[in-house]
Amino acid sequence: MFISNAYAASATTGNDLMSFLPLIVIFVLFYFMIIRPQMKAAKEQRAMIAALQKGDEVVTSGGIVGKVSKVAEAFVTIEIAANTEITVQKQAIQTALPKGTIKSL
């Protein structure tokens, strides 16, 4: 007999928790660095869209700057030039600008 018998190593239960610890730490970091800030930004975006009113100056996701002239339930009409209005979905509004920003452009 040249080959000796192989015996199974005894398993310890203390290492089970330690083997999952890096996975738990990665999930916690992932939550606080990625998921939570995105949820906060989405909440602020929804609040900004809900607070839109006539006369607000906005920027759309396509980069169009204009003044809100009419607000409906799902759509907003934006005046982008004199006698030129476009209708976009509320979700297309990316940012609300401070009053007077369009005149300074």
C-alpha atoms as a PDB file:
ATOM      1  CA  MET A   1       0.000   0.000   0.000  1.00  0.00           C
ATOM      2  CA  PHE A   2       1.576   3.159  -1.215  1.00  0.00           C
ATOM      3  CA  ILE A   3      -1.446   5.427  -0.734  1.00  0.00           C
ATOM      4  CA  SER A   4      -2.566   6.183   2.785  1.00  0.00           C
ATOM      5  CA  ASN A   5      -6.202   6.547   3.754  1.00  0.00           C
ATOM      6  CA  ALA A   6      -7.657  10.088   3.544  1.00  0.00           C
ATOM      7  CA  TYR A   7      -9.695  11.324   6.460  1.00  0.00           C
ATOM      8  CA  ALA A   8     -12.167  14.195   6.358  1.00  0.00           C
ATOM      9  CA  ALA A   9     -11.137  17.306   8.233  1.00  0.00           C
ATOM     10  CA  SER A  10     -13.355  18.291  11.108  1.00  0.00           C
ATOM     11  CA  ALA A  11     -15.456  21.391  10.365  1.00  0.00           C
ATOM     12  CA  THR A  12     -15.819  24.138  12.928  1.00  0.00           C
ATOM     13  CA  THR A  13     -19.047  26.110  13.249  1.00  0.00           C
ATOM     14  CA  GLY A  14     -17.349  29.401  14.204  1.00  0.00           C
ATOM     15  CA  ASN A  15     -16.082  29.978  10.664  1.00  0.00           C
ATOM     16  CA  ASP A  16     -19.587  29.976   9.122  1.00  0.00           C
ATOM     17  CA  LEU A  17     -20.362  33.507  10.275  1.00  0.00           C
ATOM     18  CA  MET A  18     -16.895  34.735   9.405  1.00  0.00           C
ATOM     19  CA  SER A  19     -17.258  33.430   5.855  1.00  0.00           C
ATOM     20  CA  PHE A  20     -20.431  35.519   5.331  1.00  0.00           C
ATOM     21  CA  LEU A  21     -19.050  38.659   6.995  1.00  0.00           C
ATOM     22  CA  PRO A  22     -17.352  40.084   3.860  1.00  0.00           C
ATOM     23  CA  LEU A  23     -20.558  39.551   1.873  1.00  0.00           C
ATOM     24  CA  ILE A  24     -22.603  41.365   4.515  1.00  0.00           C
ATOM     25  CA  VAL A  25     -20.124  44.261   4.651  1.00  0.00           C
ATOM     26  CA  ILE A  26     -20.191  44.604   0.847  1.00  0.00           C
ATOM     27  CA  PHE A  27     -24.015  44.702   0.852  1.00  0.00           C
ATOM     28  CA  VAL A  28     -24.078  47.382   3.584  1.00  0.00           C
ATOM     29  CA  LEU A  29     -21.546  49.532   1.702  1.00  0.00           C
ATOM     30  CA  PHE A  30     -23.478  49.023  -1.536  1.00  0.00           C
ATOM     31  CA  TYR A  31     -26.669  50.197   0.175  1.00  0.00           C
ATOM     32  CA  PHE A  32     -25.197  53.334   1.735  1.00  0.00           C
ATOM     33  CA  MET A  33     -23.059  54.374  -1.235  1.00  0.00           C
ATOM     34  CA  ILE A  34     -25.352  53.570  -4.167  1.00  0.00           C
ATOM     35  CA  ILE A  35     -28.953  52.638  -3.340  1.00  0.00           C
ATOM     36  CA  ARG A  36     -29.741  55.198  -0.621  1.00  0.00           C
ATOM     37  CA  PRO A  37     -28.436  58.286  -2.507  1.00  0.00           C
ATOM     38  CA  GLN A  38     -30.355  57.254  -5.637  1.00  0.00           C
ATOM     39  CA  MET A  39     -33.569  56.835  -3.647  1.00  0.00           C
ATOM     40  CA  LYS A  40     -33.048  60.279  -2.098  1.00  0.00           C
ATOM     41  CA  ALA A  41     -32.448  61.902  -5.502  1.00  0.00           C
ATOM     42  CA  ALA A  42     -35.536  60.189  -6.966  1.00  0.00           C
ATOM     43  CA  LYS A  43     -37.641  61.434  -4.055  1.00  0.00           C
ATOM     44  CA  GLU A  44     -36.408  65.016  -4.595  1.00  0.00           C
ATOM     45  CA  GLN A  45     -37.143  64.726  -8.344  1.00  0.00           C
ATOM     46  CA  ARG A  46     -40.723  63.559  -7.664  1.00  0.00           C
ATOM     47  CA  ALA A  47     -41.251  66.426  -5.204  1.00  0.00           C
ATOM     48  CA  MET A  48     -39.925  68.966  -7.723  1.00  0.00           C
ATOM     49  CA  ILE A  49     -42.211  67.634 -10.472  1.00  0.00           C
ATOM     50  CA  ALA A  50     -45.230  67.677  -8.151  1.00  0.00           C
ATOM     51  CA  ALA A  51     -44.512  71.317  -7.201  1.00  0.00           C
ATOM     52  CA  LEU A  52     -44.315  72.616 -10.803  1.00  0.00           C
ATOM     53  CA  GLN A  53     -46.516  75.601 -11.471  1.00  0.00           C
ATOM     54  CA  LYS A  54     -47.064  78.208 -14.151  1.00  0.00           C
ATOM     55  CA  GLY A  55     -44.124  80.630 -14.456  1.00  0.00           C
ATOM     56  CA  ASP A  56     -41.401  78.230 -13.268  1.00  0.00           C
ATOM     57  CA  GLU A  57     -38.254  78.130 -15.367  1.00  0.00           C
ATOM     58  CA  VAL A  58     -37.148  74.589 -16.173  1.00  0.00           C
ATOM     59  CA  VAL A  59     -34.663  72.499 -18.132  1.00  0.00           C
ATOM     60  CA  THR A  60     -35.842  69.319 -19.864  1.00  0.00           C
ATOM     61  CA  SER A  61     -33.834  66.121 -20.100  1.00  0.00           C
ATOM     62  CA  GLY A  62     -33.121  67.071 -23.737  1.00  0.00           C
ATOM     63  CA  GLY A  63     -31.529  70.353 -22.645  1.00  0.00           C
ATOM     64  CA  ILE A  64     -34.350  72.688 -23.647  1.00  0.00           C
ATOM     65  CA  VAL A  65     -34.706  75.717 -21.376  1.00  0.00           C
ATOM     66  CA  GLY A  66     -38.071  77.381 -21.030  1.00  0.00           C
ATOM     67  CA  LYS A  67     -40.822  78.774 -18.848  1.00  0.00           C
ATOM     68  CA  VAL A  68     -43.812  76.656 -17.806  1.00  0.00           C
ATOM     69  CA  SER A  69     -46.995  78.099 -19.292  1.00  0.00           C
ATOM     70  CA  LYS A  70     -49.461  75.302 -18.517  1.00  0.00           C
ATOM     71  CA  VAL A  71     -49.431  72.316 -16.146  1.00  0.00           C
ATOM     72  CA  ALA A  72     -51.675  69.293 -16.716  1.00  0.00           C
ATOM     73  CA  GLU A  73     -51.790  65.963 -14.896  1.00  0.00           C
ATOM     74  CA  ALA A  74     -49.126  64.201 -16.973  1.00  0.00           C
ATOM     75  CA  PHE A  75     -47.902  66.920 -19.359  1.00  0.00           C
ATOM     76  CA  VAL A  76     -46.381  70.404 -19.124  1.00  0.00           C
ATOM     77  CA  THR A  77     -46.446  73.092 -21.796  1.00  0.00           C
ATOM     78  CA  ILE A  78     -43.195  75.053 -21.942  1.00  0.00           C
ATOM     79  CA  GLU A  79     -42.665  78.369 -23.703  1.00  0.00           C
ATOM     80  CA  ILE A  80     -39.200  78.202 -25.245  1.00  0.00           C
ATOM     81  CA  ALA A  81     -39.414  81.443 -27.259  1.00  0.00           C
ATOM     82  CA  ALA A  82     -41.967  84.155 -27.982  1.00  0.00           C
ATOM     83  CA  ASN A  83     -45.107  82.447 -29.345  1.00  0.00           C
ATOM     84  CA  THR A  84     -43.326  79.062 -29.393  1.00  0.00           C
ATOM     85  CA  GLU A  85     -44.580  76.414 -27.003  1.00  0.00           C
ATOM     86  CA  ILE A  86     -43.871  72.703 -26.682  1.00  0.00           C
ATOM     87  CA  THR A  87     -45.644  70.051 -24.665  1.00  0.00           C
ATOM     88  CA  VAL A  88     -43.524  67.501 -22.782  1.00  0.00           C
ATOM     89  CA  GLN A  89     -44.175  64.840 -20.186  1.00  0.00           C
ATOM     90  CA  LYS A  90     -43.617  65.871 -16.595  1.00  0.00           C
ATOM     91  CA  GLN A  91     -40.899  63.221 -16.233  1.00  0.00           C
ATOM     92  CA  ALA A  92     -38.919  64.998 -18.970  1.00  0.00           C
ATOM     93  CA  ILE A  93     -38.377  67.981 -16.641  1.00  0.00           C
ATOM     94  CA  GLN A  94     -34.909  67.551 -15.201  1.00  0.00           C
ATOM     95  CA  THR A  95     -34.296  70.728 -13.211  1.00  0.00           C
ATOM     96  CA  ALA A  96     -36.224  73.731 -11.977  1.00  0.00           C
ATOM     97  CA  LEU A  97     -34.143  76.891 -12.385  1.00  0.00           C
ATOM     98  CA  PRO A  98     -34.178  79.993 -10.165  1.00  0.00           C
ATOM     99  CA  LYS A  99     -36.351  82.873 -11.373  1.00  0.00           C
ATOM    100  CA  GLY A 100     -34.624  85.141 -13.901  1.00  0.00           C
ATOM    101  CA  THR A 101     -32.198  82.516 -15.199  1.00  0.00           C
ATOM    102  CA  ILE A 102     -33.574  82.624 -18.748  1.00  0.00           C
ATOM    103  CA  LYS A 103     -33.034  86.381 -19.015  1.00  0.00           C
ATOM    104  CA  SER A 104     -29.403  86.008 -17.993  1.00  0.00           C
ATOM    105  CA  LEU A 105     -28.713  83.484 -20.787  1.00  0.00           C
END
